[in-house]
C-alpha atoms as a PDB file:
ATOM      1  CA  MET A   1       5.398  -3.213  14.868  1.00  0.00           C
ATOM      2  CA  SER A   2       7.510  -1.906  12.214  1.00  0.00           C
ATOM      3  CA  GLU A   3       8.291   1.994  12.592  1.00  0.00           C
ATOM      4  CA  LYS A   4       7.267   4.038   9.563  1.00  0.00           C
ATOM      5  CA  LYS A   5       8.868   6.713   8.066  1.00  0.00           C
ATOM      6  CA  PRO A   6       7.029  10.141   7.361  1.00  0.00           C
ATOM      7  CA  PHE A   7       7.754  11.690   4.021  1.00  0.00           C
ATOM      8  CA  VAL A   8       5.621  14.355   1.533  1.00  0.00           C
ATOM      9  CA  LEU A   9       3.434  13.606  -1.378  1.00  0.00           C
ATOM     10  CA  ARG A  10       2.909  16.079  -3.963  1.00  0.00           C
ATOM     11  CA  ILE A  11      -0.311  15.270  -5.925  1.00  0.00           C
ATOM     12  CA  ALA A  12      -2.739  16.733  -7.966  1.00  0.00           C
ATOM     13  CA  PRO A  13      -5.812  18.131  -6.021  1.00  0.00           C
ATOM     14  CA  GLU A  14      -8.015  15.836  -8.755  1.00  0.00           C
ATOM     15  CA  LYS A  15      -6.259  12.596  -8.028  1.00  0.00           C
ATOM     16  CA  LEU A  16      -5.935  13.373  -4.239  1.00  0.00           C
ATOM     17  CA  GLU A  17      -9.955  13.509  -4.225  1.00  0.00           C
ATOM     18  CA  ALA A  18     -10.523  10.649  -6.024  1.00  0.00           C
ATOM     19  CA  LEU A  19      -7.945   8.408  -3.785  1.00  0.00           C
ATOM     20  CA  GLU A  20      -9.684   9.934  -0.914  1.00  0.00           C
ATOM     21  CA  LYS A  21     -13.022   8.740  -2.403  1.00  0.00           C
ATOM     22  CA  TRP A  22     -11.373   5.287  -3.300  1.00  0.00           C
ATOM     23  CA  ALA A  23     -10.419   4.978   0.234  1.00  0.00           C
ATOM     24  CA  ALA A  24     -13.676   5.702   1.727  1.00  0.00           C
ATOM     25  CA  ASP A  25     -15.415   3.082  -0.454  1.00  0.00           C
ATOM     26  CA  GLU A  26     -13.180   0.804   1.144  1.00  0.00           C
ATOM     27  CA  PHE A  27     -13.628   1.812   4.595  1.00  0.00           C
ATOM     28  CA  ARG A  28      -9.556   2.691   4.856  1.00  0.00           C
ATOM     29  CA  SER A  29      -7.901   6.192   5.616  1.00  0.00           C
ATOM     30  CA  THR A  30      -6.425   7.926   2.492  1.00  0.00           C
ATOM     31  CA  ASN A  31      -2.845   6.866   3.977  1.00  0.00           C
ATOM     32  CA  GLY A  32      -3.624   3.295   4.416  1.00  0.00           C
ATOM     33  CA  GLN A  33      -5.125   3.354   0.666  1.00  0.00           C
ATOM     34  CA  ILE A  34      -1.659   4.706  -0.676  1.00  0.00           C
ATOM     35  CA  GLU A  35       0.012   1.970   1.649  1.00  0.00           C
ATOM     36  CA  TYR A  36      -2.275  -0.921   0.022  1.00  0.00           C
ATOM     37  CA  ILE A  37      -1.957   0.600  -3.414  1.00  0.00           C
ATOM     38  CA  ILE A  38       1.909   0.281  -3.212  1.00  0.00           C
ATOM     39  CA  ASP A  39       1.906  -2.836  -1.557  1.00  0.00           C
ATOM     40  CA  GLN A  40      -0.050  -4.474  -4.349  1.00  0.00           C
ATOM     41  CA  ALA A  41       2.114  -2.954  -6.885  1.00  0.00           C
ATOM     42  CA  LEU A  42       5.218  -4.144  -5.095  1.00  0.00           C
ATOM     43  CA  ARG A  43       3.915  -7.806  -4.923  1.00  0.00           C
ATOM     44  CA  ASN A  44       2.784  -7.645  -8.346  1.00  0.00           C
ATOM     45  CA  SER A  45       5.914  -6.484  -9.951  1.00  0.00           C
ATOM     46  CA  GLY A  46       8.032  -8.862  -7.675  1.00  0.00           C
ATOM     47  CA  ARG A  47       9.579  -6.699  -5.645  1.00  0.00           C
ATOM     48  CA  TRP A  48       8.288  -7.505  -2.438  1.00  0.00           C
ATOM     49  CA  LYS A  49       7.444 -10.757  -0.875  1.00  0.00           C
ATOM     50  CA  SER A  50       4.962 -10.995   2.323  1.00  0.00           C
ATOM     51  CA  LYS A  51       6.304 -12.867   5.222  1.00  0.00           C
ATOM     52  CA  SER A  52       3.700 -15.432   4.589  1.00  0.00           C
ATOM     53  CA  GLU A  53       5.126 -15.893   0.900  1.00  0.00           C
ATOM     54  CA  THR A  54       8.634 -16.170   2.559  1.00  0.00           C
ATOM     55  CA  ILE A  55       7.642 -19.006   5.056  1.00  0.00           C
ATOM     56  CA  LYS A  56       5.524 -20.659   2.476  1.00  0.00           C
ATOM     57  CA  LYS A  57       8.659 -20.891   0.070  1.00  0.00           C
ATOM     58  CA  GLU A  58      11.190 -22.336   3.132  1.00  0.00           C
ATOM     59  CA  GLY A  59       8.441 -24.849   3.949  1.00  0.00           C
ATOM     60  CA  SER A  60       7.931 -26.039   0.531  1.00  0.00           C
END
């Protein structure tokens, strides 16, 4: 498992409340939801490739 680097996130209370509700709706922790959103944004922008995508590309 990769190590995770902690950092402070400053966010408006209203946004945090909406994020917490969204996370609960999807059965994730707030931190897990933030990571999920970041992962999706990175993949959609082409700035991050998952290991499975890398393997598919090499195997093609």
